[in-house]
Amino acid sequence: MDYLYKPGDTVRIRKDLSMGHSYYMKSGPYAEQESDYVSNEMMAMRGKLVHIDHTSFFGSYKIKECNGLWDDEMFEITTHQFRCKSLL
């Protein structure tokens, strides 16, 4: 099963991300894997746009802007991907 997000994708971290809440992967080989670990560093990223760097050995995402393992449900569903091309 493919991952919902690919390296280089821009995603927004949920504004309501909270410690102690369970989040799940909905894609990839470890779909339905549960994570309830959210660090203070991750909490500080709520509502921010971030970039998917790669997937970890454990089947979660790593992002460029913050440490930690991120699951699909930790991100808001975005309907638009903005890409800009240089006009030069």
Protein backbone atom coordinates (compact mmCIF):
# COMPACT_ATOMS: atom_id res chain seq x y z
CA MET A 1 0.00 0.00 0.00
CA ASP A 2 1.32 3.44 -0.92
CA TYR A 3 1.77 6.22 1.57
CA LEU A 4 -0.69 9.10 1.60
CA TYR A 5 2.18 11.63 1.50
CA LYS A 6 5.38 11.49 -0.51
CA PRO A 7 8.81 13.06 0.17
CA GLY A 8 8.67 16.73 -0.74
CA ASP A 9 4.92 17.10 -0.07
CA THR A 10 3.84 20.12 1.97
CA VAL A 11 1.39 19.33 4.75
CA ARG A 12 -0.14 21.22 7.67
CA ILE A 13 0.13 19.84 11.18
CA ARG A 14 -3.24 19.64 12.92
CA LYS A 15 -4.09 22.66 15.00
CA ASP A 16 -5.71 20.37 17.58
CA LEU A 17 -2.73 18.00 17.95
CA SER A 18 -2.59 16.95 21.59
CA MET A 19 -0.52 14.84 23.95
CA GLY A 20 -2.07 11.56 25.06
CA HIS A 21 -4.36 11.28 22.03
CA SER A 22 -3.99 8.27 19.71
CA TYR A 23 -3.18 8.95 16.05
CA TYR A 24 -3.12 6.36 13.28
CA MET A 25 -1.39 5.72 10.01
CA LYS A 26 -4.00 5.32 7.28
CA SER A 27 -1.55 4.36 4.55
CA GLY A 28 1.67 2.48 3.92
CA PRO A 29 2.66 -1.02 4.98
CA TYR A 30 1.85 -0.26 8.64
CA ALA A 31 -1.67 1.11 8.11
CA GLU A 32 -3.72 1.17 11.32
CA GLN A 33 -0.53 1.46 13.38
CA GLU A 34 -1.29 3.55 16.47
CA SER A 35 0.89 6.23 18.01
CA ASP A 36 0.13 8.22 21.14
CA TYR A 37 3.50 9.91 21.53
CA VAL A 38 3.49 13.66 20.90
CA SER A 39 6.45 15.64 22.27
CA ASN A 40 6.58 19.29 23.34
CA GLU A 41 8.60 19.98 20.19
CA MET A 42 5.83 18.45 18.08
CA MET A 43 3.18 20.45 19.97
CA ALA A 44 5.01 23.68 19.09
CA MET A 45 4.50 22.87 15.39
CA ARG A 46 0.66 22.82 15.52
CA GLY A 47 -0.93 24.60 12.56
CA LYS A 48 2.36 25.04 10.68
CA LEU A 49 3.15 23.99 7.15
CA VAL A 50 5.94 21.41 7.01
CA HIS A 51 7.60 19.21 4.41
CA ILE A 52 7.70 15.42 4.33
CA ASP A 53 11.34 14.32 4.27
CA HIS A 54 11.01 10.52 4.21
CA THR A 55 9.33 7.57 5.87
CA SER A 56 11.00 5.91 8.83
CA PHE A 57 11.87 2.28 9.38
CA PHE A 58 8.80 2.15 11.66
CA GLY A 59 6.43 3.24 8.85
CA SER A 60 5.83 6.80 10.10
CA TYR A 61 6.85 10.05 8.45
CA LYS A 62 9.86 12.20 9.25
CA ILE A 63 9.55 15.89 8.44
CA LYS A 64 12.31 18.40 7.71
CA GLU A 65 11.30 20.98 10.32
CA CYS A 66 10.98 18.88 13.48
CA ASN A 67 12.10 15.60 15.03
CA GLY A 68 9.64 12.90 15.90
CA LEU A 69 7.61 10.27 14.13
CA TRP A 70 4.47 11.57 12.45
CA ASP A 71 1.38 9.60 11.42
CA ASP A 72 -1.23 10.42 8.75
CA GLU A 73 -3.81 11.61 11.30
CA MET A 74 -1.37 14.17 12.72
CA PHE A 75 -1.77 16.21 9.54
CA GLU A 76 -4.80 18.15 8.32
CA ILE A 77 -6.36 17.13 5.05
CA THR A 78 -5.29 19.64 2.44
CA THR A 79 -7.04 19.98 -0.86
CA HIS A 80 -4.52 22.24 -2.56
CA GLN A 81 -0.86 21.76 -3.22
CA PHE A 82 0.79 25.01 -4.20
CA ARG A 83 3.78 24.92 -6.49
CA CYS A 84 5.57 27.94 -7.85
CA LYS A 85 7.78 28.07 -10.89
CA SER A 86 10.40 30.68 -11.36
CA LEU A 87 9.52 33.24 -14.00
CA LEU A 88 13.19 33.89 -14.64
